[in-house]
């Protein structure tokens, strides 16, 4: 995806912040980057495009504060590492507090928001 198609600033997530499928309580991958509108998921398996998911993750530097979001899988592609894929997800119906938390985290000074 080119930068021209991105509507919101996003920030790369350093480290391995796990993403859990709320329905199965299984870790499905880790965060690649985040914006208020969505995320790049580095997944343990390829997610079906157009799927709807309920996910939970912890914002880096947030003292363990977890966030739960509904998400729509917009695209999925094989990653270079065996058994991994990338997936672009759009968040659905975020609670106001979740929106604020994401906006603050992405916009934090000194971040690599783009």
C-alpha atoms as a PDB file:
ATOM      1  CA  UNK A   1       0.000   0.000   0.000  1.00  0.00           C
ATOM      2  CA  UNK A   2       1.422   3.343  -0.921  1.00  0.00           C
ATOM      3  CA  UNK A   3       1.598   6.256   1.483  1.00  0.00           C
ATOM      4  CA  UNK A   4      -0.893   8.182  -0.664  1.00  0.00           C
ATOM      5  CA  UNK A   5      -3.692   5.736   0.248  1.00  0.00           C
ATOM      6  CA  UNK A   6      -3.244   6.159   3.992  1.00  0.00           C
ATOM      7  CA  UNK A   7      -5.749   8.497   5.572  1.00  0.00           C
ATOM      8  CA  UNK A   8      -4.406   8.447   9.123  1.00  0.00           C
ATOM      9  CA  UNK A   9      -0.929   8.609  10.591  1.00  0.00           C
ATOM     10  CA  UNK A  10       0.414   5.265  11.731  1.00  0.00           C
ATOM     11  CA  UNK A  11       3.205   4.239  14.011  1.00  0.00           C
ATOM     12  CA  UNK A  12       5.437   1.202  13.726  1.00  0.00           C
ATOM     13  CA  UNK A  13       5.328  -1.090  16.737  1.00  0.00           C
ATOM     14  CA  UNK A  14       8.719  -2.235  17.974  1.00  0.00           C
ATOM     15  CA  UNK A  15       9.024  -5.553  19.755  1.00  0.00           C
ATOM     16  CA  UNK A  16       6.586  -8.427  19.683  1.00  0.00           C
ATOM     17  CA  UNK A  17       3.208  -7.216  20.901  1.00  0.00           C
ATOM     18  CA  UNK A  18       0.910 -10.215  20.647  1.00  0.00           C
ATOM     19  CA  UNK A  19      -2.544 -10.027  19.088  1.00  0.00           C
ATOM     20  CA  UNK A  20      -5.126 -12.449  20.494  1.00  0.00           C
ATOM     21  CA  UNK A  21      -8.335 -13.655  18.822  1.00  0.00           C
ATOM     22  CA  UNK A  22     -10.911 -12.962  21.546  1.00  0.00           C
ATOM     23  CA  UNK A  23     -13.215 -15.764  20.380  1.00  0.00           C
ATOM     24  CA  UNK A  24     -10.579 -18.524  20.615  1.00  0.00           C
ATOM     25  CA  UNK A  25      -8.144 -16.875  23.082  1.00  0.00           C
ATOM     26  CA  UNK A  26      -5.339 -17.898  20.695  1.00  0.00           C
ATOM     27  CA  UNK A  27      -2.438 -15.659  19.728  1.00  0.00           C
ATOM     28  CA  UNK A  28      -2.778 -15.080  15.990  1.00  0.00           C
ATOM     29  CA  UNK A  29       0.281 -12.883  15.474  1.00  0.00           C
ATOM     30  CA  UNK A  30       1.806  -9.580  16.528  1.00  0.00           C
ATOM     31  CA  UNK A  31       1.427  -5.898  15.728  1.00  0.00           C
ATOM     32  CA  UNK A  32       3.328  -4.451  12.779  1.00  0.00           C
ATOM     33  CA  UNK A  33       1.956  -0.915  12.926  1.00  0.00           C
ATOM     34  CA  UNK A  34      -1.087   0.912  14.275  1.00  0.00           C
ATOM     35  CA  UNK A  35      -3.263   3.879  13.415  1.00  0.00           C
ATOM     36  CA  UNK A  36      -6.586   5.028  14.817  1.00  0.00           C
ATOM     37  CA  UNK A  37      -8.223   3.391  11.810  1.00  0.00           C
ATOM     38  CA  UNK A  38      -6.487   0.030  11.683  1.00  0.00           C
ATOM     39  CA  UNK A  39      -3.380  -2.088  11.913  1.00  0.00           C
ATOM     40  CA  UNK A  40      -0.854  -4.206  10.114  1.00  0.00           C
ATOM     41  CA  UNK A  41      -0.890  -7.684  11.627  1.00  0.00           C
ATOM     42  CA  UNK A  42       2.054 -10.007  11.213  1.00  0.00           C
ATOM     43  CA  UNK A  43       0.011 -13.186  11.432  1.00  0.00           C
ATOM     44  CA  UNK A  44       0.946 -16.760  12.314  1.00  0.00           C
ATOM     45  CA  UNK A  45      -1.340 -17.949   9.527  1.00  0.00           C
ATOM     46  CA  UNK A  46      -3.002 -16.355   6.534  1.00  0.00           C
ATOM     47  CA  UNK A  47      -6.281 -14.669   7.443  1.00  0.00           C
ATOM     48  CA  UNK A  48      -9.154 -14.837   4.978  1.00  0.00           C
ATOM     49  CA  UNK A  49      -9.807 -11.521   3.247  1.00  0.00           C
ATOM     50  CA  UNK A  50     -13.092  -9.834   4.183  1.00  0.00           C
ATOM     51  CA  UNK A  51     -13.233 -11.716   7.520  1.00  0.00           C
ATOM     52  CA  UNK A  52     -14.461 -10.023  10.681  1.00  0.00           C
ATOM     53  CA  UNK A  53     -12.502 -10.535  13.912  1.00  0.00           C
ATOM     54  CA  UNK A  54     -12.550  -9.500  17.536  1.00  0.00           C
ATOM     55  CA  UNK A  55      -8.962  -8.879  18.662  1.00  0.00           C
ATOM     56  CA  UNK A  56      -7.118  -7.901  21.818  1.00  0.00           C
ATOM     57  CA  UNK A  57      -3.633  -6.432  22.157  1.00  0.00           C
ATOM     58  CA  UNK A  58      -1.629  -4.272  24.511  1.00  0.00           C
ATOM     59  CA  UNK A  59      -0.387  -0.881  23.436  1.00  0.00           C
ATOM     60  CA  UNK A  60       3.376  -0.607  23.832  1.00  0.00           C
ATOM     61  CA  UNK A  61       4.447   1.656  26.701  1.00  0.00           C
ATOM     62  CA  UNK A  62       0.943   1.492  28.222  1.00  0.00           C
ATOM     63  CA  UNK A  63       1.584  -0.364  31.504  1.00  0.00           C
ATOM     64  CA  UNK A  64      -0.235  -3.457  30.269  1.00  0.00           C
ATOM     65  CA  UNK A  65      -3.449  -1.687  29.260  1.00  0.00           C
ATOM     66  CA  UNK A  66      -5.115  -4.028  26.761  1.00  0.00           C
ATOM     67  CA  UNK A  67      -7.382  -2.880  23.962  1.00  0.00           C
ATOM     68  CA  UNK A  68     -10.156  -4.901  22.377  1.00  0.00           C
ATOM     69  CA  UNK A  69     -11.253  -4.053  18.841  1.00  0.00           C
ATOM     70  CA  UNK A  70     -13.522  -5.330  16.137  1.00  0.00           C
ATOM     71  CA  UNK A  71     -11.654  -5.504  12.829  1.00  0.00           C
ATOM     72  CA  UNK A  72     -12.269  -6.206   9.141  1.00  0.00           C
ATOM     73  CA  UNK A  73      -9.523  -7.965   7.158  1.00  0.00           C
ATOM     74  CA  UNK A  74      -8.973  -5.811   4.064  1.00  0.00           C
ATOM     75  CA  UNK A  75      -6.074  -7.747   2.564  1.00  0.00           C
ATOM     76  CA  UNK A  76      -3.670 -10.568   3.334  1.00  0.00           C
ATOM     77  CA  UNK A  77      -0.376 -11.569   1.721  1.00  0.00           C
ATOM     78  CA  UNK A  78       2.389 -14.096   2.350  1.00  0.00           C
ATOM     79  CA  UNK A  79       5.347 -12.776   4.342  1.00  0.00           C
ATOM     80  CA  UNK A  80       8.939 -13.709   3.600  1.00  0.00           C
ATOM     81  CA  UNK A  81       9.175 -15.845   6.763  1.00  0.00           C
ATOM     82  CA  UNK A  82       7.734 -19.366   6.432  1.00  0.00           C
ATOM     83  CA  UNK A  83       4.348 -19.741   8.106  1.00  0.00           C
ATOM     84  CA  UNK A  84       3.721 -15.992   8.407  1.00  0.00           C
ATOM     85  CA  UNK A  85       1.563 -13.563   6.517  1.00  0.00           C
ATOM     86  CA  UNK A  86       0.786  -9.859   6.622  1.00  0.00           C
ATOM     87  CA  UNK A  87      -2.757  -8.622   6.958  1.00  0.00           C
ATOM     88  CA  UNK A  88      -4.211  -5.140   6.801  1.00  0.00           C
ATOM     89  CA  UNK A  89      -7.169  -4.661   9.111  1.00  0.00           C
ATOM     90  CA  UNK A  90      -9.604  -1.774   9.528  1.00  0.00           C
ATOM     91  CA  UNK A  91     -11.039  -1.166  12.993  1.00  0.00           C
ATOM     92  CA  UNK A  92     -14.820  -1.154  13.395  1.00  0.00           C
ATOM     93  CA  UNK A  93     -16.905   0.798  15.899  1.00  0.00           C
ATOM     94  CA  UNK A  94     -14.189   1.771  18.368  1.00  0.00           C
ATOM     95  CA  UNK A  95     -15.258   2.940  21.805  1.00  0.00           C
ATOM     96  CA  UNK A  96     -14.342   6.599  22.414  1.00  0.00           C
ATOM     97  CA  UNK A  97     -11.728   5.669  25.050  1.00  0.00           C
ATOM     98  CA  UNK A  98     -10.048   3.219  22.641  1.00  0.00           C
ATOM     99  CA  UNK A  99      -9.981   5.918  19.943  1.00  0.00           C
ATOM    100  CA  UNK A 100      -8.382   8.362  22.404  1.00  0.00           C
ATOM    101  CA  UNK A 101      -5.805   5.801  23.533  1.00  0.00           C
ATOM    102  CA  UNK A 102      -4.813   4.974  19.954  1.00  0.00           C
ATOM    103  CA  UNK A 103      -4.689   8.638  18.926  1.00  0.00           C
ATOM    104  CA  UNK A 104      -2.473   9.501  21.912  1.00  0.00           C
ATOM    105  CA  UNK A 105      -0.150   6.545  21.307  1.00  0.00           C
ATOM    106  CA  UNK A 106       0.233   7.200  17.576  1.00  0.00           C
ATOM    107  CA  UNK A 107       0.731  10.933  18.081  1.00  0.00           C
ATOM    108  CA  UNK A 108       3.157  10.703  20.973  1.00  0.00           C
ATOM    109  CA  UNK A 109       6.147  13.003  20.380  1.00  0.00           C
ATOM    110  CA  UNK A 110       9.288  11.287  19.244  1.00  0.00           C
ATOM    111  CA  UNK A 111       7.307   8.494  17.596  1.00  0.00           C
ATOM    112  CA  UNK A 112       7.917   7.270  14.093  1.00  0.00           C
ATOM    113  CA  UNK A 113       4.370   8.127  13.009  1.00  0.00           C
ATOM    114  CA  UNK A 114       4.019   8.507   9.281  1.00  0.00           C
END
